[in-house]
Amino acid sequence: TTGEVLSRIEQADPADYERVMKAAREAFVTWRMLPAPRRGEIIRQFGDALRAKKDMLGALVSLEMGKILTEGHGEVQEMIDICDYAVGLSRTLSGPTLQSERPRHRMMEQWHPLGVVGVISAFNFPVAVWAWNSALAWVCGDSVLWKPSSKTPLCAIACQNIANEVFQANGLPAGLTCVVIGKGSTVGEIMIKDHDLPLISFTGSTKMGRRIGGIIGERLGRSILELGGNNAIIISEKADLTCALASAFFGAVGTAGQRCTSTRRLIIQEKVYDAFLQKLISNYKRVRIGDPLDPATLMGPMIDEGAVADFEKAIEAAKK
């Protein structure tokens, strides 16, 4: 927010990657043998640990990433919610039993854990995306290797420490969740080509998603791609304009517009166009930009100087 240095983090190198990957593989062998309801109980404990630290972790998200405090707390709540979902899932994982045409036979579908699941997350949701993937991977019996954005490493370290406390209290190996903070050109490239990662969840740009999905597909791996969009809100003359205004406005300025779900375009019916536009401009004039930890702030800073430069270029292109 101020340009001051918060901390300095040492970047992982290929040797660090191999070390944590070894720990993740070993932890998987232990974790997969626990009954799913037992895994669910441990995830419940992790959710409770997040509840206890929600205020602090939410404030750290705001401090490091720049989204306002209510959004930081909301992101931690999303982590808690997915833990609750995973706990329920732990007692409902199932497969159908089918009728066979052969006498005295049955066909049964049985699901097995994949192994080590890779998560590559972006700066704009520095904790929630990891939790969404990890909670579901854990309940299915998988361990997780996480490469967070190098722009938000403190949030990743905090999450790792919270998870470690829960796993260690249950006598489980720390390798169930591993963090490698490194450049995409080094750690990221190793991950997407690693046959020991049968599934990788990637959050980022559409351009990178196309490339990463192709590389993972070549080795017959699986990918979950959550990519950028060009989202539009369509406003008809029959819409509740007050509600539509609030949705369009915060959809654009929330997280300083740095979301895959940010409002990028408005398609407005002609009869309400002028009135809606004036209300929208009026709202923009009242936006308070500043310290994301200040409750009066509506929009915090962009993530870095490069993002500001890209924004300014886009404005100039739109004017031309």
C-alpha atoms as a PDB file:
ATOM      1  CA  THR A   1       0.000   0.000   0.000  1.00  0.00           C
ATOM      2  CA  THR A   2       2.778   2.456   0.931  1.00  0.00           C
ATOM      3  CA  GLY A   3       5.613   1.027  -1.149  1.00  0.00           C
ATOM      4  CA  GLU A   4       7.468  -0.127   1.969  1.00  0.00           C
ATOM      5  CA  VAL A   5       9.013  -3.621   2.063  1.00  0.00           C
ATOM      6  CA  LEU A   6       6.954  -6.049   4.172  1.00  0.00           C
ATOM      7  CA  SER A   7       9.474  -8.902   4.137  1.00  0.00           C
ATOM      8  CA  ARG A   8      11.980 -10.728   1.996  1.00  0.00           C
ATOM      9  CA  ILE A   9      11.325 -14.316   0.930  1.00  0.00           C
ATOM     10  CA  GLU A  10      13.924 -16.708  -0.435  1.00  0.00           C
ATOM     11  CA  GLN A  11      12.823 -18.244  -3.747  1.00  0.00           C
ATOM     12  CA  ALA A  12      12.792 -22.014  -4.105  1.00  0.00           C
ATOM     13  CA  ASP A  13      15.155 -23.660  -6.584  1.00  0.00           C
ATOM     14  CA  PRO A  14      14.916 -27.095  -8.300  1.00  0.00           C
ATOM     15  CA  ALA A  15      16.654 -28.804  -5.351  1.00  0.00           C
ATOM     16  CA  ASP A  16      14.064 -27.355  -2.936  1.00  0.00           C
ATOM     17  CA  TYR A  17      11.312 -28.592  -5.245  1.00  0.00           C
ATOM     18  CA  GLU A  18      12.651 -32.142  -5.224  1.00  0.00           C
ATOM     19  CA  ARG A  19      12.917 -32.081  -1.436  1.00  0.00           C
ATOM     20  CA  VAL A  20       9.317 -31.031  -0.833  1.00  0.00           C
ATOM     21  CA  MET A  21       8.018 -33.305  -3.599  1.00  0.00           C
ATOM     22  CA  LYS A  22       9.650 -36.260  -1.887  1.00  0.00           C
ATOM     23  CA  ALA A  23       7.897 -35.300   1.370  1.00  0.00           C
ATOM     24  CA  ALA A  24       4.552 -34.987  -0.458  1.00  0.00           C
ATOM     25  CA  ARG A  25       4.902 -38.432  -2.061  1.00  0.00           C
ATOM     26  CA  GLU A  26       5.758 -40.042   1.278  1.00  0.00           C
ATOM     27  CA  ALA A  27       2.872 -38.317   3.068  1.00  0.00           C
ATOM     28  CA  PHE A  28       0.437 -39.517   0.404  1.00  0.00           C
ATOM     29  CA  VAL A  29       1.247 -43.165   1.161  1.00  0.00           C
ATOM     30  CA  THR A  30       0.218 -42.635   4.799  1.00  0.00           C
ATOM     31  CA  TRP A  31      -2.755 -40.322   4.194  1.00  0.00           C
ATOM     32  CA  ARG A  32      -4.506 -42.447   1.559  1.00  0.00           C
ATOM     33  CA  MET A  33      -4.843 -45.329   4.048  1.00  0.00           C
ATOM     34  CA  LEU A  34      -6.905 -43.282   6.510  1.00  0.00           C
ATOM     35  CA  PRO A  35     -10.667 -43.813   6.172  1.00  0.00           C
ATOM     36  CA  ALA A  36     -12.318 -40.859   4.462  1.00  0.00           C
ATOM     37  CA  PRO A  37     -14.410 -39.904   7.543  1.00  0.00           C
ATOM     38  CA  ARG A  38     -11.182 -39.722   9.545  1.00  0.00           C
ATOM     39  CA  ARG A  39      -9.680 -37.456   6.902  1.00  0.00           C
ATOM     40  CA  GLY A  40     -12.835 -35.362   7.116  1.00  0.00           C
ATOM     41  CA  GLU A  41     -12.420 -34.994  10.866  1.00  0.00           C
ATOM     42  CA  ILE A  42      -8.912 -33.622  10.401  1.00  0.00           C
ATOM     43  CA  ILE A  43     -10.162 -31.170   7.765  1.00  0.00           C
ATOM     44  CA  ARG A  44     -12.844 -30.102  10.266  1.00  0.00           C
ATOM     45  CA  GLN A  45     -10.059 -29.286  12.717  1.00  0.00           C
ATOM     46  CA  PHE A  46      -8.306 -27.266  10.015  1.00  0.00           C
ATOM     47  CA  GLY A  47     -11.534 -25.316   9.426  1.00  0.00           C
ATOM     48  CA  ASP A  48     -11.762 -24.604  13.151  1.00  0.00           C
ATOM     49  CA  ALA A  49      -8.146 -23.392  13.149  1.00  0.00           C
ATOM     50  CA  LEU A  50      -9.064 -21.001  10.333  1.00  0.00           C
ATOM     51  CA  ARG A  51     -12.047 -19.756  12.341  1.00  0.00           C
ATOM     52  CA  ALA A  52      -9.746 -18.990  15.270  1.00  0.00           C
ATOM     53  CA  LYS A  53      -7.333 -17.068  13.036  1.00  0.00           C
ATOM     54  CA  LYS A  54      -9.830 -15.541  10.607  1.00  0.00           C
ATOM     55  CA  ASP A  55      -9.255 -11.927  11.653  1.00  0.00           C
ATOM     56  CA  MET A  56      -5.467 -12.197  11.506  1.00  0.00           C
ATOM     57  CA  LEU A  57      -5.318 -14.132   8.237  1.00  0.00           C
ATOM     58  CA  GLY A  58      -7.880 -11.827   6.618  1.00  0.00           C
ATOM     59  CA  ALA A  59      -5.837  -8.798   7.676  1.00  0.00           C
ATOM     60  CA  LEU A  60      -2.695 -10.407   6.229  1.00  0.00           C
ATOM     61  CA  VAL A  61      -4.487 -10.888   2.889  1.00  0.00           C
ATOM     62  CA  SER A  62      -5.368  -7.175   2.890  1.00  0.00           C
ATOM     63  CA  LEU A  63      -1.889  -6.105   3.982  1.00  0.00           C
ATOM     64  CA  GLU A  64      -0.042  -8.164   1.381  1.00  0.00           C
ATOM     65  CA  MET A  65      -2.436  -8.319  -1.579  1.00  0.00           C
ATOM     66  CA  GLY A  66      -4.253  -5.005  -1.149  1.00  0.00           C
ATOM     67  CA  LYS A  67      -7.935  -6.007  -1.230  1.00  0.00           C
ATOM     68  CA  ILE A  68     -10.038  -4.280   1.440  1.00  0.00           C
ATOM     69  CA  LEU A  69     -10.411  -5.847   4.859  1.00  0.00           C
ATOM     70  CA  THR A  70     -13.973  -7.097   4.346  1.00  0.00           C
ATOM     71  CA  GLU A  71     -12.805  -8.911   1.218  1.00  0.00           C
ATOM     72  CA  GLY A  72      -9.807 -10.347   3.076  1.00  0.00           C
ATOM     73  CA  HIS A  73     -12.065 -11.709   5.805  1.00  0.00           C
ATOM     74  CA  GLY A  74     -14.516 -12.926   3.181  1.00  0.00           C
ATOM     75  CA  GLU A  75     -11.780 -14.886   1.459  1.00  0.00           C
ATOM     76  CA  VAL A  76     -10.912 -16.680   4.694  1.00  0.00           C
ATOM     77  CA  GLN A  77     -14.603 -17.443   5.166  1.00  0.00           C
ATOM     78  CA  GLU A  78     -14.542 -19.141   1.761  1.00  0.00           C
ATOM     79  CA  MET A  79     -11.729 -21.347   3.081  1.00  0.00           C
ATOM     80  CA  ILE A  80     -13.840 -22.255   6.107  1.00  0.00           C
ATOM     81  CA  ASP A  81     -16.865 -22.989   3.928  1.00  0.00           C
ATOM     82  CA  ILE A  82     -14.967 -25.425   1.695  1.00  0.00           C
ATOM     83  CA  CYS A  83     -13.696 -27.235   4.785  1.00  0.00           C
ATOM     84  CA  ASP A  84     -17.309 -27.687   5.933  1.00  0.00           C
ATOM     85  CA  TYR A  85     -18.180 -29.009   2.475  1.00  0.00           C
ATOM     86  CA  ALA A  86     -15.264 -31.450   2.546  1.00  0.00           C
ATOM     87  CA  VAL A  87     -16.296 -32.769   5.971  1.00  0.00           C
ATOM     88  CA  GLY A  88     -19.710 -33.673   4.569  1.00  0.00           C
ATOM     89  CA  LEU A  89     -18.112 -35.142   1.471  1.00  0.00           C
ATOM     90  CA  SER A  90     -15.963 -37.425   3.627  1.00  0.00           C
ATOM     91  CA  ARG A  91     -19.063 -39.483   4.508  1.00  0.00           C
ATOM     92  CA  THR A  92     -20.666 -39.452   1.066  1.00  0.00           C
ATOM     93  CA  LEU A  93     -17.828 -40.477  -1.284  1.00  0.00           C
ATOM     94  CA  SER A  94     -19.382 -43.350  -3.201  1.00  0.00           C
ATOM     95  CA  GLY A  95     -19.557 -45.293  -6.442  1.00  0.00           C
ATOM     96  CA  PRO A  96     -22.466 -47.169  -8.048  1.00  0.00           C
ATOM     97  CA  THR A  97     -22.945 -50.911  -7.950  1.00  0.00           C
ATOM     98  CA  LEU A  98     -24.164 -52.028 -11.363  1.00  0.00           C
ATOM     99  CA  GLN A  99     -26.018 -55.103 -12.560  1.00  0.00           C
ATOM    100  CA  SER A 100     -23.859 -57.518 -14.560  1.00  0.00           C
ATOM    101  CA  GLU A 101     -25.011 -59.753 -17.411  1.00  0.00           C
ATOM    102  CA  ARG A 102     -22.812 -62.528 -16.007  1.00  0.00           C
ATOM    103  CA  PRO A 103     -24.381 -64.812 -13.365  1.00  0.00           C
ATOM    104  CA  ARG A 104     -23.183 -64.374  -9.768  1.00  0.00           C
ATOM    105  CA  HIS A 105     -21.242 -61.207 -10.644  1.00  0.00           C
ATOM    106  CA  ARG A 106     -21.572 -57.563  -9.722  1.00  0.00           C
ATOM    107  CA  MET A 107     -19.813 -54.538 -11.141  1.00  0.00           C
ATOM    108  CA  MET A 108     -18.652 -51.939  -8.618  1.00  0.00           C
ATOM    109  CA  GLU A 109     -17.189 -48.518  -9.311  1.00  0.00           C
ATOM    110  CA  GLN A 110     -14.495 -47.621  -6.797  1.00  0.00           C
ATOM    111  CA  TRP A 111     -12.585 -44.353  -6.714  1.00  0.00           C
ATOM    112  CA  HIS A 112      -8.965 -44.122  -5.591  1.00  0.00           C
ATOM    113  CA  PRO A 113      -6.850 -41.078  -4.709  1.00  0.00           C
ATOM    114  CA  LEU A 114      -4.635 -39.726  -7.477  1.00  0.00           C
ATOM    115  CA  GLY A 115      -1.437 -39.004  -5.551  1.00  0.00           C
ATOM    116  CA  VAL A 116       0.141 -35.571  -5.153  1.00  0.00           C
ATOM    117  CA  VAL A 117      -2.096 -32.782  -6.484  1.00  0.00           C
ATOM    118  CA  GLY A 118      -0.419 -29.591  -7.698  1.00  0.00           C
ATOM    119  CA  VAL A 119      -1.945 -26.153  -7.089  1.00  0.00           C
ATOM    120  CA  ILE A 120      -0.675 -23.031  -8.863  1.00  0.00           C
ATOM    121  CA  SER A 121      -2.567 -20.005  -7.543  1.00  0.00           C
ATOM    122  CA  ALA A 122      -2.653 -16.310  -8.453  1.00  0.00           C
ATOM    123  CA  PHE A 123      -2.105 -13.202  -6.338  1.00  0.00           C
ATOM    124  CA  ASN A 124      -5.724 -12.012  -6.400  1.00  0.00           C
ATOM    125  CA  PHE A 125      -7.041 -14.837  -4.202  1.00  0.00           C
ATOM    126  CA  PRO A 126      -3.921 -15.710  -2.239  1.00  0.00           C
ATOM    127  CA  VAL A 127      -5.551 -18.143   0.223  1.00  0.00           C
ATOM    128  CA  ALA A 128      -9.050 -19.204  -0.936  1.00  0.00           C
ATOM    129  CA  VAL A 129      -8.093 -20.915  -4.207  1.00  0.00           C
ATOM    130  CA  TRP A 130      -5.507 -23.057  -2.453  1.00  0.00           C
ATOM    131  CA  ALA A 131      -8.061 -24.060   0.192  1.00  0.00           C
ATOM    132  CA  TRP A 132     -10.740 -24.927  -2.377  1.00  0.00           C
ATOM    133  CA  ASN A 133      -8.366 -27.336  -4.089  1.00  0.00           C
ATOM    134  CA  SER A 134      -6.607 -28.632  -0.993  1.00  0.00           C
ATOM    135  CA  ALA A 135      -9.669 -29.451   1.095  1.00  0.00           C
ATOM    136  CA  LEU A 136     -11.144 -31.543  -1.719  1.00  0.00           C
ATOM    137  CA  ALA A 137      -7.803 -33.179  -2.537  1.00  0.00           C
ATOM    138  CA  TRP A 138      -7.216 -34.045   1.119  1.00  0.00           C
ATOM    139  CA  VAL A 139     -10.640 -35.569   1.676  1.00  0.00           C
ATOM    140  CA  CYS A 140     -10.102 -37.769  -1.392  1.00  0.00           C
ATOM    141  CA  GLY A 141      -6.801 -39.012   0.061  1.00  0.00           C
ATOM    142  CA  ASP A 142      -4.326 -36.863  -1.880  1.00  0.00           C
ATOM    143  CA  SER A 143      -1.439 -34.725  -0.652  1.00  0.00           C
ATOM    144  CA  VAL A 144      -0.916 -31.232  -2.072  1.00  0.00           C
ATOM    145  CA  LEU A 145       2.039 -29.321  -3.506  1.00  0.00           C
ATOM    146  CA  TRP A 146       1.312 -25.579  -3.743  1.00  0.00           C
ATOM    147  CA  LYS A 147       3.087 -22.933  -5.788  1.00  0.00           C
ATOM    148  CA  PRO A 148       1.559 -19.614  -4.688  1.00  0.00           C
ATOM    149  CA  SER A 149       2.091 -16.350  -6.509  1.00  0.00           C
ATOM    150  CA  SER A 150       5.486 -14.853  -5.718  1.00  0.00           C
ATOM    151  CA  LYS A 151       3.590 -11.573  -5.186  1.00  0.00           C
ATOM    152  CA  THR A 152       1.768 -12.949  -2.103  1.00  0.00           C
ATOM    153  CA  PRO A 153       4.142 -15.392  -0.352  1.00  0.00           C
ATOM    154  CA  LEU A 154       3.350 -14.371   3.245  1.00  0.00           C
ATOM    155  CA  CYS A 155      -0.248 -15.580   2.915  1.00  0.00           C
ATOM    156  CA  ALA A 156       1.014 -18.957   1.697  1.00  0.00           C
ATOM    157  CA  ILE A 157       3.464 -19.294   4.563  1.00  0.00           C
ATOM    158  CA  ALA A 158       0.692 -18.471   7.051  1.00  0.00           C
ATOM    159  CA  CYS A 159      -1.635 -21.096   5.552  1.00  0.00           C
ATOM    160  CA  GLN A 160       1.149 -23.670   5.557  1.00  0.00           C
ATOM    161  CA  ASN A 161       1.875 -23.043   9.238  1.00  0.00           C
ATOM    162  CA  ILE A 162      -1.810 -23.324  10.219  1.00  0.00           C
ATOM    163  CA  ALA A 163      -2.175 -26.600   8.299  1.00  0.00           C
ATOM    164  CA  ASN A 164       1.065 -27.989   9.713  1.00  0.00           C
ATOM    165  CA  GLU A 165      -0.126 -27.403  13.283  1.00  0.00           C
ATOM    166  CA  VAL A 166      -3.298 -29.418  12.637  1.00  0.00           C
ATOM    167  CA  PHE A 167      -1.580 -32.278  10.824  1.00  0.00           C
ATOM    168  CA  GLN A 168       1.213 -32.563  13.371  1.00  0.00           C
ATOM    169  CA  ALA A 169      -1.282 -32.575  16.260  1.00  0.00           C
ATOM    170  CA  ASN A 170      -2.822 -35.653  14.634  1.00  0.00           C
ATOM    171  CA  GLY A 171       0.530 -37.398  14.201  1.00  0.00           C
ATOM    172  CA  LEU A 172       0.546 -36.928  10.437  1.00  0.00           C
ATOM    173  CA  PRO A 173       3.520 -36.039   8.214  1.00  0.00           C
ATOM    174  CA  ALA A 174       3.980 -32.385   7.278  1.00  0.00           C
ATOM    175  CA  GLY A 175       4.241 -33.339   3.596  1.00  0.00           C
ATOM    176  CA  LEU A 176       0.458 -33.457   3.271  1.00  0.00           C
ATOM    177  CA  THR A 177       0.736 -29.811   2.337  1.00  0.00           C
ATOM    178  CA  CYS A 178       3.909 -28.388   0.807  1.00  0.00           C
ATOM    179  CA  VAL A 179       4.666 -24.862  -0.374  1.00  0.00           C
ATOM    180  CA  VAL A 180       7.264 -23.943  -2.990  1.00  0.00           C
ATOM    181  CA  ILE A 181       7.602 -20.201  -3.503  1.00  0.00           C
ATOM    182  CA  GLY A 182       9.446 -19.757  -6.759  1.00  0.00           C
ATOM    183  CA  LYS A 183       9.389 -18.308 -10.232  1.00  0.00           C
ATOM    184  CA  GLY A 184       7.078 -19.719 -12.851  1.00  0.00           C
ATOM    185  CA  SER A 185      10.068 -20.101 -15.176  1.00  0.00           C
ATOM    186  CA  THR A 186      11.755 -22.461 -12.703  1.00  0.00           C
ATOM    187  CA  VAL A 187       9.401 -24.098 -10.192  1.00  0.00           C
ATOM    188  CA  GLY A 188       6.310 -23.664 -12.368  1.00  0.00           C
ATOM    189  CA  GLU A 189       7.942 -25.304 -15.386  1.00  0.00           C
ATOM    190  CA  ILE A 190       9.083 -28.259 -13.274  1.00  0.00           C
ATOM    191  CA  MET A 191       5.580 -28.711 -11.874  1.00  0.00           C
ATOM    192  CA  ILE A 192       3.663 -28.765 -15.141  1.00  0.00           C
ATOM    193  CA  LYS A 193       6.076 -31.323 -16.627  1.00  0.00           C
ATOM    194  CA  ASP A 194       6.252 -33.528 -13.508  1.00  0.00           C
ATOM    195  CA  HIS A 195       4.652 -36.955 -14.046  1.00  0.00           C
ATOM    196  CA  ASP A 196       4.370 -37.300 -10.246  1.00  0.00           C
ATOM    197  CA  LEU A 197       1.636 -34.633 -10.362  1.00  0.00           C
ATOM    198  CA  PRO A 198      -1.310 -36.410 -12.035  1.00  0.00           C
ATOM    199  CA  LEU A 199      -3.549 -33.362 -11.533  1.00  0.00           C
ATOM    200  CA  ILE A 200      -2.663 -29.662 -11.509  1.00  0.00           C
ATOM    201  CA  SER A 201      -5.082 -26.847 -10.723  1.00  0.00           C
ATOM    202  CA  PHE A 202      -3.938 -23.571 -12.313  1.00  0.00           C
ATOM    203  CA  THR A 203      -5.375 -20.094 -11.783  1.00  0.00           C
ATOM    204  CA  GLY A 204      -4.133 -17.311 -14.032  1.00  0.00           C
ATOM    205  CA  SER A 205      -4.345 -15.782 -17.475  1.00  0.00           C
ATOM    206  CA  THR A 206      -6.058 -17.454 -20.417  1.00  0.00           C
ATOM    207  CA  LYS A 207      -2.802 -17.223 -22.392  1.00  0.00           C
ATOM    208  CA  MET A 208      -0.887 -19.180 -19.731  1.00  0.00           C
ATOM    209  CA  GLY A 209      -3.803 -21.559 -19.236  1.00  0.00           C
ATOM    210  CA  ARG A 210      -3.704 -22.599 -22.897  1.00  0.00           C
ATOM    211  CA  ARG A 211       0.006 -23.324 -22.675  1.00  0.00           C
ATOM    212  CA  ILE A 212      -0.120 -25.136 -19.332  1.00  0.00           C
ATOM    213  CA  GLY A 213      -3.161 -27.210 -20.286  1.00  0.00           C
ATOM    214  CA  GLY A 214      -1.390 -28.316 -23.449  1.00  0.00           C
ATOM    215  CA  ILE A 215       1.795 -29.374 -21.670  1.00  0.00           C
ATOM    216  CA  ILE A 216      -0.093 -31.294 -18.962  1.00  0.00           C
ATOM    217  CA  GLY A 217      -2.295 -32.919 -21.599  1.00  0.00           C
ATOM    218  CA  GLU A 218       0.734 -34.114 -23.579  1.00  0.00           C
ATOM    219  CA  ARG A 219       1.801 -36.252 -20.625  1.00  0.00           C
ATOM    220  CA  LEU A 220      -1.812 -37.431 -20.157  1.00  0.00           C
ATOM    221  CA  GLY A 221      -2.153 -35.519 -16.898  1.00  0.00           C
ATOM    222  CA  ARG A 222      -5.316 -33.729 -15.810  1.00  0.00           C
ATOM    223  CA  SER A 223      -5.780 -30.012 -15.335  1.00  0.00           C
ATOM    224  CA  ILE A 224      -8.278 -27.689 -13.715  1.00  0.00           C
ATOM    225  CA  LEU A 225      -7.982 -24.256 -15.336  1.00  0.00           C
ATOM    226  CA  GLU A 226      -9.530 -21.152 -13.765  1.00  0.00           C
ATOM    227  CA  LEU A 227      -8.671 -18.388 -16.219  1.00  0.00           C
ATOM    228  CA  GLY A 228      -9.370 -14.760 -17.028  1.00  0.00           C
ATOM    229  CA  GLY A 229     -12.567 -13.658 -18.760  1.00  0.00           C
ATOM    230  CA  ASN A 230     -14.279 -10.737 -20.460  1.00  0.00           C
ATOM    231  CA  ASN A 231     -17.389 -10.692 -18.310  1.00  0.00           C
ATOM    232  CA  ALA A 232     -20.453  -8.640 -19.201  1.00  0.00           C
ATOM    233  CA  ILE A 233     -23.522  -7.667 -17.181  1.00  0.00           C
ATOM    234  CA  ILE A 234     -26.658  -7.290 -19.296  1.00  0.00           C
ATOM    235  CA  ILE A 235     -29.104  -4.679 -17.982  1.00  0.00           C
ATOM    236  CA  SER A 236     -32.597  -4.645 -19.442  1.00  0.00           C
ATOM    237  CA  GLU A 237     -35.229  -1.952 -19.019  1.00  0.00           C
ATOM    238  CA  LYS A 238     -37.094  -4.322 -16.681  1.00  0.00           C
ATOM    239  CA  ALA A 239     -34.136  -4.710 -14.295  1.00  0.00           C
ATOM    240  CA  ASP A 240     -34.101  -3.447 -10.726  1.00  0.00           C
ATOM    241  CA  LEU A 241     -31.689  -0.645 -11.542  1.00  0.00           C
ATOM    242  CA  THR A 242     -30.641  -0.063  -7.921  1.00  0.00           C
ATOM    243  CA  CYS A 243     -29.643  -3.696  -7.563  1.00  0.00           C
ATOM    244  CA  ALA A 244     -28.028  -3.769 -11.024  1.00  0.00           C
ATOM    245  CA  LEU A 245     -26.029  -0.628 -10.219  1.00  0.00           C
ATOM    246  CA  ALA A 246     -24.648  -2.118  -7.000  1.00  0.00           C
ATOM    247  CA  SER A 247     -23.734  -5.371  -8.762  1.00  0.00           C
ATOM    248  CA  ALA A 248     -22.071  -3.730 -11.748  1.00  0.00           C
ATOM    249  CA  PHE A 249     -20.248  -1.157  -9.665  1.00  0.00           C
ATOM    250  CA  PHE A 250     -18.710  -3.398  -7.026  1.00  0.00           C
ATOM    251  CA  GLY A 251     -18.151  -6.115  -9.605  1.00  0.00           C
ATOM    252  CA  ALA A 252     -15.824  -3.648 -11.321  1.00  0.00           C
ATOM    253  CA  VAL A 253     -14.069  -1.971  -8.374  1.00  0.00           C
ATOM    254  CA  GLY A 254     -13.902  -4.955  -5.983  1.00  0.00           C
ATOM    255  CA  THR A 255     -10.297  -6.161  -5.589  1.00  0.00           C
ATOM    256  CA  ALA A 256      -9.424  -3.125  -7.758  1.00  0.00           C
ATOM    257  CA  GLY A 257     -10.838  -5.022 -10.727  1.00  0.00           C
ATOM    258  CA  GLN A 258      -8.189  -7.740 -10.387  1.00  0.00           C
ATOM    259  CA  ARG A 259     -10.474 -10.786 -10.509  1.00  0.00           C
ATOM    260  CA  CYS A 260     -11.281 -13.360 -13.166  1.00  0.00           C
ATOM    261  CA  THR A 261     -14.904 -12.523 -12.304  1.00  0.00           C
ATOM    262  CA  SER A 262     -14.544  -8.729 -12.450  1.00  0.00           C
ATOM    263  CA  THR A 263     -17.152  -6.811 -14.435  1.00  0.00           C
ATOM    264  CA  ARG A 264     -15.473  -5.753 -17.668  1.00  0.00           C
ATOM    265  CA  ARG A 265     -18.393  -4.746 -19.885  1.00  0.00           C
ATOM    266  CA  LEU A 266     -21.945  -3.460 -19.526  1.00  0.00           C
ATOM    267  CA  ILE A 267     -24.588  -4.161 -22.154  1.00  0.00           C
ATOM    268  CA  ILE A 268     -27.418  -1.739 -21.355  1.00  0.00           C
ATOM    269  CA  GLN A 269     -30.836  -1.434 -23.000  1.00  0.00           C
ATOM    270  CA  GLU A 270     -31.194   1.951 -24.713  1.00  0.00           C
ATOM    271  CA  LYS A 271     -34.183   3.172 -22.686  1.00  0.00           C
ATOM    272  CA  VAL A 272     -32.241   3.010 -19.394  1.00  0.00           C
ATOM    273  CA  TYR A 273     -28.767   3.683 -20.763  1.00  0.00           C
ATOM    274  CA  ASP A 274     -28.411   7.389 -19.961  1.00  0.00           C
ATOM    275  CA  ALA A 275     -29.956   7.190 -16.485  1.00  0.00           C
ATOM    276  CA  PHE A 276     -27.877   4.155 -15.540  1.00  0.00           C
ATOM    277  CA  LEU A 277     -24.670   5.664 -16.871  1.00  0.00           C
ATOM    278  CA  GLN A 278     -25.124   8.842 -14.830  1.00  0.00           C
ATOM    279  CA  LYS A 279     -25.685   6.828 -11.646  1.00  0.00           C
ATOM    280  CA  LEU A 280     -22.611   4.746 -12.365  1.00  0.00           C
ATOM    281  CA  ILE A 281     -20.448   7.845 -12.927  1.00  0.00           C
ATOM    282  CA  SER A 282     -21.785   9.311  -9.684  1.00  0.00           C
ATOM    283  CA  ASN A 283     -20.749   6.168  -7.812  1.00  0.00           C
ATOM    284  CA  TYR A 284     -17.268   6.260  -9.293  1.00  0.00           C
ATOM    285  CA  LYS A 285     -16.798   9.845  -8.132  1.00  0.00           C
ATOM    286  CA  ARG A 286     -17.347   8.696  -4.544  1.00  0.00           C
ATOM    287  CA  VAL A 287     -14.913   5.776  -4.558  1.00  0.00           C
ATOM    288  CA  ARG A 288     -12.463   6.081  -1.687  1.00  0.00           C
ATOM    289  CA  ILE A 289      -9.096   4.596  -2.658  1.00  0.00           C
ATOM    290  CA  GLY A 290      -6.519   4.056   0.053  1.00  0.00           C
ATOM    291  CA  ASP A 291      -5.281   1.840   2.868  1.00  0.00           C
ATOM    292  CA  PRO A 292      -7.140  -1.496   2.560  1.00  0.00           C
ATOM    293  CA  LEU A 293      -7.003  -1.952   6.342  1.00  0.00           C
ATOM    294  CA  ASP A 294      -9.024   1.246   6.848  1.00  0.00           C
ATOM    295  CA  PRO A 295     -12.743   0.313   7.125  1.00  0.00           C
ATOM    296  CA  ALA A 296     -13.685   3.472   5.196  1.00  0.00           C
ATOM    297  CA  THR A 297     -11.710   2.391   2.109  1.00  0.00           C
ATOM    298  CA  LEU A 298     -13.701   0.930  -0.780  1.00  0.00           C
ATOM    299  CA  MET A 299     -10.784   0.095  -3.062  1.00  0.00           C
ATOM    300  CA  GLY A 300      -7.211  -0.725  -2.147  1.00  0.00           C
ATOM    301  CA  PRO A 301      -4.125  -0.507  -4.338  1.00  0.00           C
ATOM    302  CA  MET A 302      -3.322  -2.556  -7.413  1.00  0.00           C
ATOM    303  CA  ILE A 303      -0.866  -5.382  -6.850  1.00  0.00           C
ATOM    304  CA  ASP A 304       2.258  -3.716  -8.299  1.00  0.00           C
ATOM    305  CA  GLU A 305       3.608  -1.014 -10.607  1.00  0.00           C
ATOM    306  CA  GLY A 306       3.320  -3.297 -13.626  1.00  0.00           C
ATOM    307  CA  ALA A 307      -0.420  -3.670 -13.038  1.00  0.00           C
ATOM    308  CA  VAL A 308      -0.805   0.120 -12.825  1.00  0.00           C
ATOM    309  CA  ALA A 309       1.075   0.538 -16.112  1.00  0.00           C
ATOM    310  CA  ASP A 310      -1.157  -2.050 -17.823  1.00  0.00           C
ATOM    311  CA  PHE A 311      -4.251  -0.249 -16.503  1.00  0.00           C
ATOM    312  CA  GLU A 312      -3.054   3.117 -17.800  1.00  0.00           C
ATOM    313  CA  LYS A 313      -2.252   1.635 -21.224  1.00  0.00           C
ATOM    314  CA  ALA A 314      -5.761   0.170 -21.413  1.00  0.00           C
ATOM    315  CA  ILE A 315      -7.320   3.553 -20.601  1.00  0.00           C
ATOM    316  CA  GLU A 316      -5.277   5.233 -23.347  1.00  0.00           C
ATOM    317  CA  ALA A 317      -6.239   2.513 -25.844  1.00  0.00           C
ATOM    318  CA  ALA A 318      -9.919   2.957 -24.941  1.00  0.00           C
ATOM    319  CA  LYS A 319      -9.696   6.719 -25.451  1.00  0.00           C
ATOM    320  CA  LYS A 320      -8.073   6.293 -28.870  1.00  0.00           C
END
